[in-house]
Protein backbone atom coordinates (compact mmCIF):
# COMPACT_ATOMS: atom_id res chain seq x y z
CA MET A 1 -16.45 -6.49 17.05
CA GLU A 2 -19.79 -4.30 16.34
CA ALA A 3 -20.35 -2.52 13.11
CA THR A 4 -20.40 0.70 14.55
CA ALA A 5 -16.75 0.15 15.26
CA ARG A 6 -15.99 0.89 11.47
CA MET A 7 -18.75 3.75 10.83
CA GLY A 8 -17.27 6.85 10.41
CA GLN A 9 -13.76 5.68 9.44
CA ARG A 10 -13.13 4.59 5.18
CA TRP A 11 -12.47 0.79 4.75
CA VAL A 12 -11.94 -0.72 1.39
CA ALA A 13 -11.46 -4.50 -0.22
CA LEU A 14 -8.19 -4.96 -2.21
CA VAL A 15 -9.12 -6.36 -5.41
CA ASP A 16 -6.82 -8.24 -8.01
CA ARG A 17 -7.85 -6.94 -11.26
CA GLY A 18 -4.56 -9.28 -12.78
CA ASN A 19 -1.22 -7.82 -14.65
CA GLY A 20 -0.41 -6.61 -11.21
CA CYS A 21 -3.26 -3.67 -11.16
CA VAL A 22 -4.95 -4.04 -7.79
CA GLU A 23 -7.98 -2.21 -6.98
CA ALA A 24 -9.38 -0.41 -4.13
CA CYS A 25 -12.92 -1.21 -3.76
CA ASP A 26 -15.29 0.99 -1.38
CA ILE A 27 -16.73 -0.88 1.56
CA VAL A 28 -20.08 0.15 0.98
CA GLU A 29 -21.62 -1.74 4.25
CA TRP A 30 -20.72 -3.95 6.89
CA LEU A 31 -22.49 -6.68 7.57
CA PRO A 32 -22.34 -9.20 10.98
CA ASP A 33 -21.69 -12.76 10.25
CA GLY A 34 -21.79 -14.97 12.96
CA ALA A 35 -18.86 -13.69 14.99
CA GLU A 36 -16.98 -11.58 12.19
CA LEU A 37 -17.93 -8.50 10.13
CA VAL A 38 -17.74 -8.76 6.31
CA GLY A 39 -17.73 -5.84 4.18
CA TYR A 40 -19.87 -5.68 1.37
CA ILE A 41 -18.14 -3.83 -2.26
CA CYS A 42 -20.65 -2.51 -5.81
CA GLY A 43 -19.74 -5.61 -8.02
CA THR A 44 -17.60 -5.08 -11.05
CA ASP A 45 -17.06 -6.08 -14.08
CA ASP A 46 -15.19 -9.70 -13.54
CA ALA A 47 -17.67 -10.28 -10.40
CA ALA A 48 -19.76 -13.26 -10.41
CA GLN A 49 -22.72 -13.45 -13.44
CA GLY A 50 -25.06 -10.84 -12.38
CA ASP A 51 -23.37 -8.97 -10.08
CA LYS A 52 -22.13 -6.03 -11.62
CA GLY A 53 -23.48 -3.26 -9.55
CA ARG A 54 -25.15 -4.66 -7.13
CA VAL A 55 -24.13 -4.73 -3.59
CA VAL A 56 -21.78 -8.01 -3.32
CA ARG A 57 -19.89 -10.03 -0.34
CA ALA A 58 -15.96 -8.34 -0.94
CA ASP A 59 -14.54 -11.68 0.02
CA ARG A 60 -16.65 -13.94 -1.93
CA HIS A 61 -15.35 -11.31 -4.66
CA PRO A 62 -12.89 -12.45 -7.46
CA GLY A 63 -9.58 -11.70 -6.95
CA PHE A 64 -10.05 -10.25 -3.11
CA LEU A 65 -6.92 -9.57 -1.21
CA THR A 66 -7.61 -8.11 2.06
CA TYR A 67 -9.34 -4.97 3.67
CA GLU A 68 -7.64 -2.02 4.47
CA ARG A 69 -8.53 0.98 6.56
CA ARG A 70 -8.16 4.32 4.40
CA PRO A 71 -7.47 7.71 6.27
CA GLN A 72 -9.69 10.68 6.38
CA VAL A 73 -9.23 14.25 6.48
CA VAL A 74 -10.54 16.00 9.45
CA GLY A 75 -8.77 19.40 8.61
CA ALA A 76 -6.70 21.47 6.56
CA LEU A 77 -4.41 24.56 6.40
CA PRO A 78 -2.95 26.98 4.06
CA GLY A 79 0.29 26.51 2.16
CA MET A 80 1.73 29.23 3.88
CA GLY A 81 4.59 29.93 0.97
CA TRP A 82 5.90 26.15 0.92
CA THR A 83 6.48 24.88 -2.91
CA VAL A 84 6.21 21.60 -4.46
CA CYS A 85 8.46 20.43 -6.63
CA TYR A 86 8.02 17.38 -9.23
CA ARG A 87 10.50 15.69 -11.71
CA LEU A 88 10.62 16.71 -15.49
CA GLY A 89 12.06 13.75 -16.55
CA ALA A 90 15.81 12.67 -16.84
CA PRO A 91 18.15 15.16 -16.02
CA PRO A 92 20.67 15.98 -18.51
CA PRO A 93 23.88 14.42 -19.21
CA ARG A 94 26.72 16.34 -16.67
CA GLY A 95 29.54 18.53 -18.59
CA GLY A 96 29.12 18.19 -22.21
CA ASN A 97 27.46 21.31 -23.88
CA GLY A 98 27.60 23.37 -20.60
CA THR A 99 24.99 21.86 -18.83
CA SER A 100 24.90 20.92 -15.59
CA GLY A 101 23.25 17.66 -15.24
CA ALA A 102 21.03 19.26 -12.80
CA GLU A 103 17.36 18.10 -12.25
CA CYS A 104 14.46 19.27 -14.26
CA LEU A 105 11.96 20.78 -11.85
CA GLU A 106 8.91 21.55 -11.62
CA ARG A 107 7.40 24.11 -8.62
CA ARG A 108 4.18 24.43 -7.53
CA PRO A 109 2.73 26.75 -4.69
CA VAL A 110 1.32 24.32 -1.59
CA LEU A 111 -2.36 25.37 -1.66
CA ALA A 112 -3.08 23.73 1.23
CA TRP A 113 -1.71 21.03 4.03
CA LEU A 114 -4.39 18.25 4.58
CA VAL A 115 -4.45 16.13 7.63
CA TYR A 116 -5.46 13.37 8.40
CA ASP A 117 -7.23 11.28 11.07
CA ASP A 118 -4.56 9.35 11.64
CA GLY A 119 -1.83 12.26 12.27
CA THR A 120 -0.38 12.09 8.69
CA VAL A 121 -0.50 15.88 6.88
CA THR A 122 0.39 15.99 3.25
CA PRO A 123 0.74 19.15 0.81
CA CYS A 124 -1.95 20.36 -1.90
CA ASP A 125 -0.89 22.21 -5.09
CA VAL A 126 -2.57 23.76 -8.04
CA ASP A 127 -1.20 23.64 -11.59
CA HIS A 128 -1.10 26.25 -14.13
CA ASP A 129 -4.81 25.47 -14.67
CA GLY A 130 -6.40 25.82 -11.77
CA LEU A 131 -6.11 22.27 -11.06
CA VAL A 132 -5.69 21.12 -7.72
CA TYR A 133 -3.37 17.82 -6.73
CA CYS A 134 -2.68 15.98 -3.58
CA SER A 135 1.37 15.96 -4.12
CA THR A 136 2.15 12.82 -2.03
CA ASP A 137 0.05 10.59 -4.94
CA THR A 138 3.12 10.62 -7.36
CA PRO A 139 5.75 9.49 -8.20
CA GLU A 140 7.54 12.52 -9.44
CA LEU A 141 7.14 14.19 -6.34
CA ALA A 142 11.06 15.61 -5.86
CA HIS A 143 10.69 16.95 -2.33
CA VAL A 144 9.07 20.31 -0.75
CA GLU A 145 10.42 23.43 0.02
CA PRO A 146 9.70 25.48 2.61
CA PRO A 147 9.07 29.49 2.02
CA ALA A 148 11.85 31.57 1.36
CA PRO A 149 14.29 33.98 3.83
CA GLY A 150 12.89 37.40 3.73
CA SER A 151 9.09 36.52 2.79
CA GLY A 152 7.67 37.07 6.09
CA ARG A 153 5.76 33.46 5.98
CA GLN A 154 6.61 31.57 9.04
CA PRO A 155 7.00 27.14 8.37
């Protein structure tokens, strides 16, 4: 494999930081080492003595697990009236004081749909402060709702 085969793609080295924490470190350079390509990352706090902030070979970094390709955004489509719904916590108990036990949801408009080079399409929403989020990055995502009937927007 040639170094140019990986250009234009985003690769990371997964590094185990301990306590169940895995960090994705961006590959900043690919260089040949014999018959294989080796990824290089910027050294971090737990790298070998003096490697912090320097470009180091990823597979020799403490806690190195593997390389992983990450998809890149290649396009964006308008939100077209779709809504993202997030869980705000545990649902209230059923019955008792007249509550239905329905989930508490926060609804946010989809600002755009991001299209990735692997064919994945994900919604991005905007909160009441105007901050934009990739909706699929949070475990609180409940579901995505299509535009309301009669809204004039076609899914």
